[in-house]
Amino acid sequence: MSEKLLNVREVSQYLDISTEDLRRLVDSGKIPAYRLGGAILRFRKDQIEQIKAQGVPKLAKSHEEPAAEGRYTGMERLKDFLYFNDFYIICAIIIVVLLVFIFFC
């Protein structure tokens, strides 16, 4: 059976930190996370338990923007969207073409 991954809300409650702080820690590389579809964060439970046992890392006092290399560009987001939703897009196009053919031909 596959391992259940935790979402941002579950991890922030477990570590007793805000979701914003959790995202900043992930962006700075202090907490390991997995990105699904380019935006959705998921966490392995054993890694989070290990971090809690060692102590939750602290954020720097300044609230600077995370490094630019961790961000996704608009083109990367579009590619991810098309990659994960190509089946639905193709089905929608086929349905529209069939409806046009049925009602206008």
C-alpha atoms as a PDB file:
ATOM      1  CA  MET A   1       0.000   0.000   0.000  1.00  0.00           C
ATOM      2  CA  SER A   2       1.309   3.479  -0.817  1.00  0.00           C
ATOM      3  CA  GLU A   3       2.325   5.917   1.876  1.00  0.00           C
ATOM      4  CA  LYS A   4      -0.125   8.716   2.704  1.00  0.00           C
ATOM      5  CA  LEU A   5       1.426  12.145   2.271  1.00  0.00           C
ATOM      6  CA  LEU A   6       0.474  14.996   4.590  1.00  0.00           C
ATOM      7  CA  ASN A   7      -0.829  18.328   3.344  1.00  0.00           C
ATOM      8  CA  VAL A   8       0.202  21.829   4.452  1.00  0.00           C
ATOM      9  CA  ARG A   9      -2.582  22.226   7.008  1.00  0.00           C
ATOM     10  CA  GLU A  10      -1.863  18.880   8.696  1.00  0.00           C
ATOM     11  CA  VAL A  11       1.874  19.589   8.946  1.00  0.00           C
ATOM     12  CA  SER A  12       1.399  23.145  10.219  1.00  0.00           C
ATOM     13  CA  GLN A  13      -0.928  21.870  12.954  1.00  0.00           C
ATOM     14  CA  TYR A  14       1.458  19.031  13.835  1.00  0.00           C
ATOM     15  CA  LEU A  15       4.474  21.365  14.063  1.00  0.00           C
ATOM     16  CA  ASP A  16       2.386  24.126  15.668  1.00  0.00           C
ATOM     17  CA  ILE A  17       3.403  26.796  13.168  1.00  0.00           C
ATOM     18  CA  SER A  18       1.410  28.870  10.684  1.00  0.00           C
ATOM     19  CA  THR A  19       0.962  27.701   7.121  1.00  0.00           C
ATOM     20  CA  GLU A  20       2.807  30.817   5.904  1.00  0.00           C
ATOM     21  CA  ASP A  21       5.819  29.999   8.091  1.00  0.00           C
ATOM     22  CA  LEU A  22       5.730  26.394   6.866  1.00  0.00           C
ATOM     23  CA  ARG A  23       5.779  27.560   3.239  1.00  0.00           C
ATOM     24  CA  ARG A  24       8.718  29.882   3.994  1.00  0.00           C
ATOM     25  CA  LEU A  25      10.626  27.024   5.642  1.00  0.00           C
ATOM     26  CA  VAL A  26       9.978  24.833   2.605  1.00  0.00           C
ATOM     27  CA  ASP A  27      11.081  27.601   0.217  1.00  0.00           C
ATOM     28  CA  SER A  28      14.288  28.099   2.215  1.00  0.00           C
ATOM     29  CA  GLY A  29      14.991  24.343   2.120  1.00  0.00           C
ATOM     30  CA  LYS A  30      14.782  23.796   5.896  1.00  0.00           C
ATOM     31  CA  ILE A  31      11.833  21.396   5.608  1.00  0.00           C
ATOM     32  CA  PRO A  32      11.695  18.797   2.797  1.00  0.00           C
ATOM     33  CA  ALA A  33       8.539  18.780   0.700  1.00  0.00           C
ATOM     34  CA  TYR A  34       7.251  17.397  -2.559  1.00  0.00           C
ATOM     35  CA  ARG A  35       5.510  19.577  -5.117  1.00  0.00           C
ATOM     36  CA  LEU A  36       2.636  18.063  -7.054  1.00  0.00           C
ATOM     37  CA  GLY A  37       1.605  19.829 -10.211  1.00  0.00           C
ATOM     38  CA  GLY A  38       4.034  22.623  -9.502  1.00  0.00           C
ATOM     39  CA  ALA A  39       2.089  24.179  -6.649  1.00  0.00           C
ATOM     40  CA  ILE A  40       0.618  21.610  -4.256  1.00  0.00           C
ATOM     41  CA  LEU A  41       2.912  20.752  -1.353  1.00  0.00           C
ATOM     42  CA  ARG A  42       2.954  17.339   0.287  1.00  0.00           C
ATOM     43  CA  PHE A  43       5.139  15.981   3.082  1.00  0.00           C
ATOM     44  CA  ARG A  44       6.273  12.528   4.191  1.00  0.00           C
ATOM     45  CA  LYS A  45       5.175  11.772   7.743  1.00  0.00           C
ATOM     46  CA  ASP A  46       8.463  10.191   8.817  1.00  0.00           C
ATOM     47  CA  GLN A  47      10.438  13.262   7.703  1.00  0.00           C
ATOM     48  CA  ILE A  48       8.092  15.606   9.568  1.00  0.00           C
ATOM     49  CA  GLU A  49       8.292  13.487  12.727  1.00  0.00           C
ATOM     50  CA  GLN A  50      12.094  13.628  12.521  1.00  0.00           C
ATOM     51  CA  ILE A  51      11.996  17.431  12.162  1.00  0.00           C
ATOM     52  CA  LYS A  52       9.686  17.751  15.168  1.00  0.00           C
ATOM     53  CA  ALA A  53      12.002  15.525  17.238  1.00  0.00           C
ATOM     54  CA  GLN A  54      15.016  17.674  16.288  1.00  0.00           C
ATOM     55  CA  GLY A  55      13.127  20.916  16.791  1.00  0.00           C
ATOM     56  CA  VAL A  56      11.359  23.053  14.231  1.00  0.00           C
ATOM     57  CA  PRO A  57      13.839  25.292  12.354  1.00  0.00           C
ATOM     58  CA  LYS A  58      13.515  29.009  12.994  1.00  0.00           C
ATOM     59  CA  LEU A  59      12.918  31.588  10.307  1.00  0.00           C
ATOM     60  CA  ALA A  60      15.205  34.557   9.816  1.00  0.00           C
ATOM     61  CA  LYS A  61      13.855  37.759  11.341  1.00  0.00           C
ATOM     62  CA  SER A  62      13.608  39.557   8.005  1.00  0.00           C
ATOM     63  CA  HIS A  63      10.666  38.602   5.863  1.00  0.00           C
ATOM     64  CA  GLU A  64      12.470  38.686   2.549  1.00  0.00           C
ATOM     65  CA  GLU A  65      11.136  37.012  -0.539  1.00  0.00           C
ATOM     66  CA  PRO A  66      12.297  33.426  -1.075  1.00  0.00           C
ATOM     67  CA  ALA A  67      14.980  32.735  -3.640  1.00  0.00           C
ATOM     68  CA  ALA A  68      13.843  33.109  -7.236  1.00  0.00           C
ATOM     69  CA  GLU A  69      15.090  29.643  -8.248  1.00  0.00           C
ATOM     70  CA  GLY A  70      12.326  27.999  -6.166  1.00  0.00           C
ATOM     71  CA  ARG A  71       9.536  29.798  -7.996  1.00  0.00           C
ATOM     72  CA  TYR A  72       7.665  28.642 -11.052  1.00  0.00           C
ATOM     73  CA  THR A  73       7.334  30.896 -14.059  1.00  0.00           C
ATOM     74  CA  GLY A  74       4.049  31.365 -15.839  1.00  0.00           C
ATOM     75  CA  MET A  75       5.208  29.162 -18.704  1.00  0.00           C
ATOM     76  CA  GLU A  76       6.135  26.339 -16.294  1.00  0.00           C
ATOM     77  CA  ARG A  77       2.727  26.593 -14.647  1.00  0.00           C
ATOM     78  CA  LEU A  78       1.048  26.445 -18.056  1.00  0.00           C
ATOM     79  CA  LYS A  79       3.096  23.381 -19.042  1.00  0.00           C
ATOM     80  CA  ASP A  80       2.185  21.658 -15.760  1.00  0.00           C
ATOM     81  CA  PHE A  81      -1.487  22.522 -16.228  1.00  0.00           C
ATOM     82  CA  LEU A  82      -1.531  21.128 -19.767  1.00  0.00           C
ATOM     83  CA  TYR A  83       0.433  18.039 -18.733  1.00  0.00           C
ATOM     84  CA  PHE A  84      -1.908  17.128 -15.874  1.00  0.00           C
ATOM     85  CA  ASN A  85      -5.160  18.101 -17.622  1.00  0.00           C
ATOM     86  CA  ASP A  86      -4.539  17.108 -21.238  1.00  0.00           C
ATOM     87  CA  PHE A  87      -7.144  14.334 -21.156  1.00  0.00           C
ATOM     88  CA  TYR A  88      -9.901  16.704 -19.992  1.00  0.00           C
ATOM     89  CA  ILE A  89      -8.939  19.381 -22.500  1.00  0.00           C
ATOM     90  CA  ILE A  90      -9.013  16.918 -25.395  1.00  0.00           C
ATOM     91  CA  CYS A  91     -12.370  15.521 -24.240  1.00  0.00           C
ATOM     92  CA  ALA A  92     -13.834  19.028 -24.011  1.00  0.00           C
ATOM     93  CA  ILE A  93     -12.654  19.835 -27.548  1.00  0.00           C
ATOM     94  CA  ILE A  94     -14.160  16.607 -28.906  1.00  0.00           C
ATOM     95  CA  ILE A  95     -17.487  17.308 -27.168  1.00  0.00           C
ATOM     96  CA  VAL A  96     -17.621  20.854 -28.544  1.00  0.00           C
ATOM     97  CA  VAL A  97     -16.836  19.642 -32.067  1.00  0.00           C
ATOM     98  CA  LEU A  98     -19.530  16.938 -31.824  1.00  0.00           C
ATOM     99  CA  LEU A  99     -22.106  19.426 -30.508  1.00  0.00           C
ATOM    100  CA  VAL A 100     -21.329  21.862 -33.323  1.00  0.00           C
ATOM    101  CA  PHE A 101     -21.620  19.040 -35.834  1.00  0.00           C
ATOM    102  CA  ILE A 102     -24.942  17.814 -34.382  1.00  0.00           C
ATOM    103  CA  PHE A 103     -26.656  21.180 -34.077  1.00  0.00           C
ATOM    104  CA  PHE A 104     -25.296  23.057 -37.105  1.00  0.00           C
ATOM    105  CA  CYS A 105     -24.873  20.382 -39.792  1.00  0.00           C
END
